[in-house]
Amino acid sequence: MKATGRYVHRRGIHCESACQCAVLAAGGYEADEETVFGLDGGFGFSFFPANGNTPDIVVGKQAIMPLRASRLMGVEVATHTPKSGAGLAKLLETAPAVMTRVDLGLLPYWGLAGRSSFGGYFVNVVRPLGDDAFEVSDPAFDEPVPVSAAELQAARSSRDSPPLNPDWKVYVFGAPRRTPQLDRVGPVAVRTLCREILKPGSRNLGIPGMRSLATTAPSWPESKRGEVEDVDLSGRVIHTDALARQLLHLGRQIESFGTGGGLFRPMIGRYLHRVADSTGEARYAEAAERFLDSGRLWSNLGSALLTAGTVTARGDLKTLVDAVADTARSAMDVEKRALTALTPL
């Protein structure tokens, strides 16, 4: 950790929850990331097909910054949309840090140079560095990083990731007024989880979203064609096949910032174990183990896609496409069983 005034930078697993925990800690309240993640109730699945050979987007959540955890903790959160560095600096005059939504592909230290976009990412902005830069606390990195005001402005204003554009949003947190009792509020959050994933009201979200990915992926060899520009895992610009780019981006989304094979599914599993311990209800623990199983399915797929990152032979790529469809169906079945068993609770 690195201290910056009252704010302490720390690594985390899920950008949105980790950023909230760091800001809350600066206000004197320590919350673990799994509890904030579970109480927020945004966990799930989202699948957004893109036009042409642009990579389709897969995300392991279906609500961006729902603020349910903060309400349960009695934390007032004000939402702002400053459209200048000066406006952002003004908010920092009275806050130890502000949480802002950005397009990860335009954050310079990620090395993606805008060739991969994800507008549902969050960082904490800690302080101005003179008139033309800010110190940014990104939980994916060991230390805060300096980012120029122009680069941060571009990441906050990006329109490259519909429907997940950042829209300039900035959040300022007040001090927590109470400690949530997990045996009381935990089951409430689980009910929300079941409802929103099993019957989300959109075919792009939850169980329907997984089904949509399973049926759409087999069409990628036809829809994702031609040579495209991308960046490899070391940040170098390369020219590759559009289908190879789709599969590499999916691997990154699973293992780095999206469906959370090794990230979000185990997190919700650990949250459910905490609810089981606090309530004495074993069925929460049983569902937790199923989400851990689902996490392993996604993580195995993500690792395979990243390992095959330079593969361009169409036959090999089609084999990977089949693995995507198979994994989506298998994970869907596991998670549906877990959530259906929780619904009566």
Protein backbone atom coordinates (compact mmCIF):
# COMPACT_ATOMS: atom_id res chain seq x y z
CA MET A 1 0.00 0.00 0.00
CA LYS A 2 1.06 3.57 -0.59
CA ALA A 3 -0.35 6.44 1.46
CA THR A 4 -1.37 9.68 -0.22
CA GLY A 5 -2.69 11.99 2.48
CA ARG A 6 -5.70 10.26 4.03
CA TYR A 7 -6.03 7.92 1.06
CA VAL A 8 -4.17 4.59 0.88
CA HIS A 9 -3.69 2.91 -2.49
CA ARG A 10 -4.36 -0.83 -2.47
CA ARG A 11 -4.68 -3.57 -5.03
CA GLY A 12 -8.03 -5.26 -5.56
CA ILE A 13 -9.86 -7.84 -7.62
CA HIS A 14 -12.91 -6.00 -8.95
CA CYS A 15 -12.25 -2.38 -9.90
CA GLU A 16 -15.63 -1.03 -8.80
CA SER A 17 -15.70 -2.75 -5.39
CA ALA A 18 -11.99 -2.20 -4.68
CA CYS A 19 -12.27 1.51 -5.45
CA GLN A 20 -15.25 1.83 -3.12
CA CYS A 21 -13.37 0.01 -0.33
CA ALA A 22 -10.36 2.32 -0.68
CA VAL A 23 -12.50 5.45 -0.54
CA LEU A 24 -14.48 4.12 2.43
CA ALA A 25 -11.22 3.31 4.23
CA ALA A 26 -10.09 6.90 3.69
CA GLY A 27 -13.26 7.91 5.56
CA GLY A 28 -12.43 5.57 8.45
CA TYR A 29 -14.50 2.50 7.51
CA GLU A 30 -12.87 -0.80 6.57
CA ALA A 31 -15.00 -3.06 4.37
CA ASP A 32 -13.81 -6.23 2.64
CA GLU A 33 -14.14 -6.33 -1.11
CA GLU A 34 -16.28 -9.49 -1.30
CA THR A 35 -18.93 -8.01 1.00
CA VAL A 36 -19.16 -4.77 -0.98
CA PHE A 37 -19.26 -6.79 -4.22
CA GLY A 38 -22.06 -9.04 -2.93
CA LEU A 39 -24.15 -6.29 -1.33
CA ASP A 40 -23.99 -4.13 -4.46
CA GLY A 41 -25.92 -6.81 -6.33
CA GLY A 42 -24.46 -5.96 -9.74
CA PHE A 43 -22.91 -9.39 -10.27
CA GLY A 44 -24.16 -11.46 -13.18
CA PHE A 45 -23.45 -11.61 -16.89
CA SER A 46 -23.77 -9.25 -19.85
CA PHE A 47 -23.26 -9.97 -23.54
CA PHE A 48 -23.28 -7.15 -26.08
CA PRO A 49 -22.82 -8.15 -29.75
CA ALA A 50 -20.94 -5.57 -31.81
CA ASN A 51 -21.42 -4.62 -35.44
CA GLY A 52 -19.19 -6.14 -38.11
CA ASN A 53 -15.82 -7.53 -37.08
CA THR A 54 -15.54 -5.37 -33.93
CA PRO A 55 -15.17 -7.69 -30.89
CA ASP A 56 -18.37 -8.55 -29.02
CA ILE A 57 -18.30 -7.51 -25.34
CA VAL A 58 -18.70 -9.95 -22.44
CA VAL A 59 -18.89 -8.66 -18.84
CA GLY A 60 -19.37 -10.51 -15.55
CA LYS A 61 -21.77 -7.92 -14.19
CA GLN A 62 -25.09 -6.57 -15.32
CA ALA A 63 -25.33 -3.36 -13.31
CA ILE A 64 -22.71 -0.62 -13.27
CA MET A 65 -22.30 1.16 -9.94
CA PRO A 66 -25.79 0.36 -8.53
CA LEU A 67 -24.81 1.87 -5.14
CA ARG A 68 -26.83 -0.72 -3.19
CA ALA A 69 -23.92 -1.49 -0.83
CA SER A 70 -23.45 2.18 0.01
CA ARG A 71 -27.17 2.56 0.79
CA LEU A 72 -27.07 -0.49 3.08
CA MET A 73 -24.11 1.08 4.90
CA GLY A 74 -25.79 4.46 5.16
CA VAL A 75 -23.21 6.14 2.93
CA GLU A 76 -24.31 9.16 0.95
CA VAL A 77 -22.84 9.17 -2.54
CA ALA A 78 -23.07 12.22 -4.78
CA THR A 79 -22.81 11.74 -8.54
CA HIS A 80 -21.14 14.45 -10.64
CA THR A 81 -20.25 14.83 -14.31
CA PRO A 82 -17.36 17.34 -14.44
CA LYS A 83 -16.26 17.75 -18.05
CA SER A 84 -12.90 19.35 -17.39
CA GLY A 85 -9.77 18.74 -15.37
CA ALA A 86 -10.53 21.89 -13.41
CA GLY A 87 -13.95 20.53 -12.42
CA LEU A 88 -12.38 17.25 -11.30
CA ALA A 89 -9.73 19.10 -9.27
CA LYS A 90 -12.48 21.16 -7.62
CA LEU A 91 -14.13 18.00 -6.26
CA LEU A 92 -10.79 16.84 -4.86
CA GLU A 93 -10.51 19.97 -2.71
CA THR A 94 -12.98 18.46 -0.23
CA ALA A 95 -12.58 14.68 -0.82
CA PRO A 96 -9.61 12.35 -0.23
CA ALA A 97 -10.32 10.78 -3.62
CA VAL A 98 -13.11 10.61 -6.18
CA MET A 99 -14.18 7.51 -8.04
CA THR A 100 -14.54 7.90 -11.79
CA ARG A 101 -15.66 5.69 -14.62
CA VAL A 102 -13.30 5.40 -17.58
CA ASP A 103 -12.62 3.56 -20.82
CA LEU A 104 -9.84 1.15 -19.81
CA GLY A 105 -8.53 1.07 -23.39
CA LEU A 106 -7.60 4.75 -23.20
CA LEU A 107 -5.72 4.61 -19.90
CA PRO A 108 -2.11 4.98 -21.15
CA TYR A 109 -0.50 2.71 -18.56
CA TRP A 110 -2.59 -0.29 -19.75
CA GLY A 111 -0.83 -0.08 -23.12
CA LEU A 112 -3.91 -0.78 -25.23
CA ALA A 113 -3.72 2.52 -27.14
CA GLY A 114 -7.49 2.59 -27.66
CA ARG A 115 -7.52 -0.60 -29.74
CA SER A 116 -9.60 -2.38 -27.09
CA SER A 117 -12.39 -0.51 -25.33
CA PHE A 118 -14.17 -1.18 -22.04
CA GLY A 119 -16.11 1.76 -20.65
CA GLY A 120 -17.28 0.04 -17.46
CA TYR A 121 -13.93 0.38 -15.69
CA PHE A 122 -13.34 2.42 -12.51
CA VAL A 123 -10.35 4.15 -10.92
CA ASN A 124 -9.93 6.55 -8.03
CA VAL A 125 -8.48 9.96 -8.80
CA VAL A 126 -6.49 11.04 -5.75
CA ARG A 127 -5.00 14.47 -6.40
CA PRO A 128 -3.90 16.91 -9.10
CA LEU A 129 -0.24 16.86 -10.09
CA GLY A 130 0.23 20.47 -11.08
CA ASP A 131 -2.12 21.90 -13.70
CA ASP A 132 -1.94 19.18 -16.33
CA ALA A 133 -1.95 15.76 -14.62
CA PHE A 134 -3.60 13.67 -11.89
CA GLU A 135 -2.55 10.83 -9.63
CA VAL A 136 -4.71 7.81 -10.39
CA SER A 137 -5.22 4.84 -8.05
CA ASP A 138 -6.01 1.78 -10.18
CA PRO A 139 -6.55 -1.39 -8.07
CA ALA A 140 -5.06 -3.55 -10.85
CA PHE A 141 -1.62 -2.02 -10.19
CA ASP A 142 0.78 -1.99 -7.25
CA GLU A 143 1.25 1.78 -7.11
CA PRO A 144 -0.69 4.94 -8.05
CA VAL A 145 0.17 6.19 -11.55
CA PRO A 146 0.37 9.71 -12.99
CA VAL A 147 -1.97 10.36 -15.91
CA SER A 148 -2.07 13.57 -17.91
CA ALA A 149 -5.25 15.62 -17.67
CA ALA A 150 -5.78 15.21 -21.44
CA GLU A 151 -5.45 11.40 -21.27
CA LEU A 152 -7.78 11.16 -18.29
CA GLN A 153 -10.23 13.44 -20.07
CA ALA A 154 -10.17 11.14 -23.11
CA ALA A 155 -10.77 8.04 -20.97
CA ARG A 156 -13.68 9.70 -19.11
CA SER A 157 -15.36 11.01 -22.27
CA SER A 158 -14.90 7.97 -24.55
CA ARG A 159 -17.75 6.95 -26.83
CA ASP A 160 -15.96 3.83 -28.07
CA SER A 161 -17.65 1.26 -25.82
CA PRO A 162 -21.45 1.50 -26.25
CA PRO A 163 -23.56 0.71 -24.29
CA LEU A 164 -20.85 0.95 -21.59
CA ASN A 165 -19.57 4.46 -22.23
CA PRO A 166 -18.19 6.26 -19.14
CA ASP A 167 -20.41 9.34 -19.58
CA TRP A 168 -18.10 11.54 -17.45
CA LYS A 169 -19.46 10.02 -14.23
CA VAL A 170 -17.66 10.77 -10.95
CA TYR A 171 -18.72 9.64 -7.45
CA VAL A 172 -17.95 11.41 -4.17
CA PHE A 173 -18.50 9.34 -1.01
CA GLY A 174 -19.60 10.59 2.39
CA ALA A 175 -18.76 8.91 5.70
CA PRO A 176 -20.51 5.60 6.59
CA ARG A 177 -23.20 5.97 9.27
CA ARG A 178 -23.66 2.31 10.25
CA THR A 179 -22.18 -1.15 9.90
CA PRO A 180 -24.42 -3.52 7.89
CA GLN A 181 -25.55 -6.69 9.67
CA LEU A 182 -24.80 -9.38 7.11
CA ASP A 183 -27.30 -11.86 8.55
CA ARG A 184 -30.05 -9.32 7.81
CA VAL A 185 -28.96 -7.52 4.62
CA GLY A 186 -27.04 -10.41 3.01
CA PRO A 187 -30.14 -12.46 2.13
CA VAL A 188 -31.79 -9.32 0.70
CA ALA A 189 -28.88 -8.88 -1.69
CA VAL A 190 -29.04 -12.59 -2.62
CA ARG A 191 -32.73 -12.27 -3.53
CA THR A 192 -31.85 -9.37 -5.81
CA LEU A 193 -29.07 -11.47 -7.33
CA CYS A 194 -31.44 -14.36 -8.11
CA ARG A 195 -34.11 -12.14 -9.61
CA GLU A 196 -31.76 -10.09 -11.77
CA ILE A 197 -29.79 -13.03 -13.19
CA LEU A 198 -32.60 -15.56 -13.70
CA LYS A 199 -35.17 -13.09 -15.10
CA PRO A 200 -33.34 -9.89 -16.03
CA GLY A 201 -35.83 -8.61 -18.60
CA SER A 202 -33.19 -8.50 -21.35
CA ARG A 203 -31.72 -11.23 -23.52
CA ASN A 204 -28.32 -9.55 -23.16
CA LEU A 205 -28.18 -10.08 -19.39
CA GLY A 206 -27.96 -12.92 -16.88
CA ILE A 207 -28.87 -16.47 -17.91
CA PRO A 208 -30.40 -15.25 -21.20
CA GLY A 209 -27.13 -13.42 -21.92
CA MET A 210 -25.11 -16.62 -21.45
CA ARG A 211 -27.51 -18.42 -23.76
CA SER A 212 -27.09 -15.63 -26.31
CA LEU A 213 -23.29 -15.95 -26.18
CA ALA A 214 -23.54 -19.72 -26.66
CA THR A 215 -25.71 -19.30 -29.77
CA THR A 216 -23.84 -16.28 -31.19
CA ALA A 217 -20.24 -17.51 -30.83
CA PRO A 218 -20.58 -20.15 -33.59
CA SER A 219 -21.30 -17.31 -36.06
CA TRP A 220 -18.01 -15.54 -35.32
CA PRO A 221 -16.02 -17.36 -38.05
CA GLU A 222 -18.32 -15.66 -40.57
CA SER A 223 -18.91 -12.29 -38.88
CA LYS A 224 -15.36 -11.69 -37.60
CA ARG A 225 -13.33 -11.82 -40.82
CA GLY A 226 -10.43 -9.95 -42.40
CA GLU A 227 -7.17 -8.45 -41.16
CA VAL A 228 -7.41 -5.94 -38.30
CA GLU A 229 -5.04 -3.93 -36.14
CA ASP A 230 -4.71 -4.86 -32.47
CA VAL A 231 -2.21 -4.88 -29.62
CA ASP A 232 -0.67 -8.03 -28.19
CA LEU A 233 -0.38 -8.87 -24.49
CA SER A 234 2.83 -6.82 -24.23
CA GLY A 235 1.18 -3.75 -25.79
CA ARG A 236 2.81 -3.96 -29.23
CA VAL A 237 0.74 -3.07 -32.29
CA ILE A 238 0.07 -6.12 -34.45
CA HIS A 239 -2.02 -7.05 -37.48
CA THR A 240 -4.10 -10.15 -36.97
CA ASP A 241 -7.24 -11.99 -38.02
CA ALA A 242 -10.51 -10.46 -36.77
CA LEU A 243 -11.60 -13.80 -35.30
CA ALA A 244 -8.27 -14.15 -33.45
CA ARG A 245 -8.80 -10.65 -32.08
CA GLN A 246 -12.30 -11.53 -30.88
CA LEU A 247 -11.03 -14.59 -29.02
CA LEU A 248 -8.05 -12.77 -27.49
CA HIS A 249 -10.31 -9.93 -26.32
CA LEU A 250 -12.69 -12.46 -24.78
CA GLY A 251 -9.78 -14.07 -22.95
CA ARG A 252 -8.80 -10.68 -21.55
CA GLN A 253 -12.39 -9.94 -20.58
CA ILE A 254 -12.65 -13.24 -18.71
CA GLU A 255 -9.35 -13.12 -16.85
CA SER A 256 -8.59 -9.40 -16.56
CA PHE A 257 -11.70 -7.27 -16.29
CA GLY A 258 -14.84 -8.96 -17.61
CA THR A 259 -16.70 -12.18 -16.85
CA GLY A 260 -14.27 -12.83 -14.02
CA GLY A 261 -13.54 -16.52 -14.38
CA GLY A 262 -10.80 -16.33 -11.80
CA LEU A 263 -12.22 -13.13 -10.37
CA PHE A 264 -15.95 -12.43 -10.04
CA ARG A 265 -17.32 -15.99 -9.70
CA PRO A 266 -15.01 -16.87 -6.79
CA MET A 267 -15.80 -13.47 -5.25
CA ILE A 268 -19.53 -14.13 -5.21
CA GLY A 269 -18.77 -17.62 -3.89
CA ARG A 270 -16.82 -16.16 -0.96
CA TYR A 271 -19.63 -13.68 -0.33
CA LEU A 272 -22.20 -16.50 -0.20
CA HIS A 273 -19.98 -18.40 2.25
CA ARG A 274 -19.99 -15.29 4.47
CA VAL A 275 -23.78 -15.13 4.28
CA ALA A 276 -23.96 -18.84 5.14
CA ASP A 277 -21.74 -18.28 8.20
CA SER A 278 -23.76 -15.27 9.38
CA THR A 279 -27.19 -16.87 8.89
CA GLY A 280 -26.42 -20.51 9.63
CA GLU A 281 -28.13 -21.50 6.35
CA ALA A 282 -26.12 -24.22 4.56
CA ARG A 283 -27.81 -23.70 1.20
CA TYR A 284 -25.88 -20.45 0.71
CA ALA A 285 -22.65 -22.43 1.06
CA GLU A 286 -23.85 -25.06 -1.43
CA ALA A 287 -24.59 -22.34 -3.98
CA ALA A 288 -21.18 -20.80 -3.26
CA GLU A 289 -19.47 -24.02 -4.33
CA ARG A 290 -21.38 -24.02 -7.60
CA PHE A 291 -20.20 -20.50 -8.37
CA LEU A 292 -16.65 -21.61 -7.64
CA ASP A 293 -17.20 -24.43 -10.18
CA SER A 294 -18.47 -21.91 -12.71
CA GLY A 295 -15.44 -19.74 -12.06
CA ARG A 296 -13.15 -22.63 -12.90
CA LEU A 297 -15.01 -23.22 -16.17
CA TRP A 298 -14.63 -19.57 -17.22
CA SER A 299 -11.04 -19.40 -16.02
CA ASN A 300 -10.02 -22.51 -17.95
CA LEU A 301 -11.53 -20.98 -21.09
CA GLY A 302 -9.90 -17.60 -20.49
CA SER A 303 -6.48 -19.18 -19.96
CA ALA A 304 -6.83 -21.21 -23.17
CA LEU A 305 -7.79 -18.10 -25.16
CA LEU A 306 -4.87 -16.08 -23.79
CA THR A 307 -2.41 -18.93 -24.35
CA ALA A 308 -3.56 -19.16 -27.97
CA GLY A 309 -3.31 -15.39 -28.40
CA THR A 310 -1.11 -15.54 -31.52
CA VAL A 311 -2.98 -18.38 -33.26
CA THR A 312 -4.41 -17.32 -36.64
CA ALA A 313 -5.12 -20.63 -38.42
CA ARG A 314 -8.87 -20.69 -39.04
CA GLY A 315 -9.22 -24.36 -38.08
CA ASP A 316 -7.57 -23.76 -34.70
CA LEU A 317 -9.66 -20.64 -34.16
CA LYS A 318 -12.89 -22.52 -34.88
CA THR A 319 -11.93 -25.10 -32.25
CA LEU A 320 -11.61 -22.27 -29.73
CA VAL A 321 -14.99 -20.90 -30.82
CA ASP A 322 -16.54 -24.28 -30.05
CA ALA A 323 -14.94 -24.12 -26.58
CA VAL A 324 -16.52 -20.69 -26.01
CA ALA A 325 -20.00 -21.99 -26.84
CA ASP A 326 -19.54 -25.15 -24.76
CA THR A 327 -18.27 -23.20 -21.74
CA ALA A 328 -21.12 -20.69 -21.91
CA ARG A 329 -23.67 -23.51 -21.91
CA SER A 330 -21.96 -25.41 -19.07
CA ALA A 331 -21.53 -22.32 -16.89
CA MET A 332 -25.13 -21.32 -17.57
CA ASP A 333 -26.38 -24.69 -16.32
CA VAL A 334 -24.23 -24.56 -13.16
CA GLU A 335 -25.22 -21.00 -12.27
CA LYS A 336 -28.89 -21.59 -13.03
CA ARG A 337 -28.92 -24.54 -10.61
CA ALA A 338 -27.21 -22.45 -7.93
CA LEU A 339 -29.63 -19.55 -8.26
CA THR A 340 -32.74 -21.73 -8.52
CA ALA A 341 -31.76 -23.44 -5.25
CA LEU A 342 -31.34 -20.02 -3.58
CA THR A 343 -34.65 -18.58 -4.79
CA PRO A 344 -36.82 -20.15 -2.02
CA LEU A 345 -34.59 -18.52 0.61
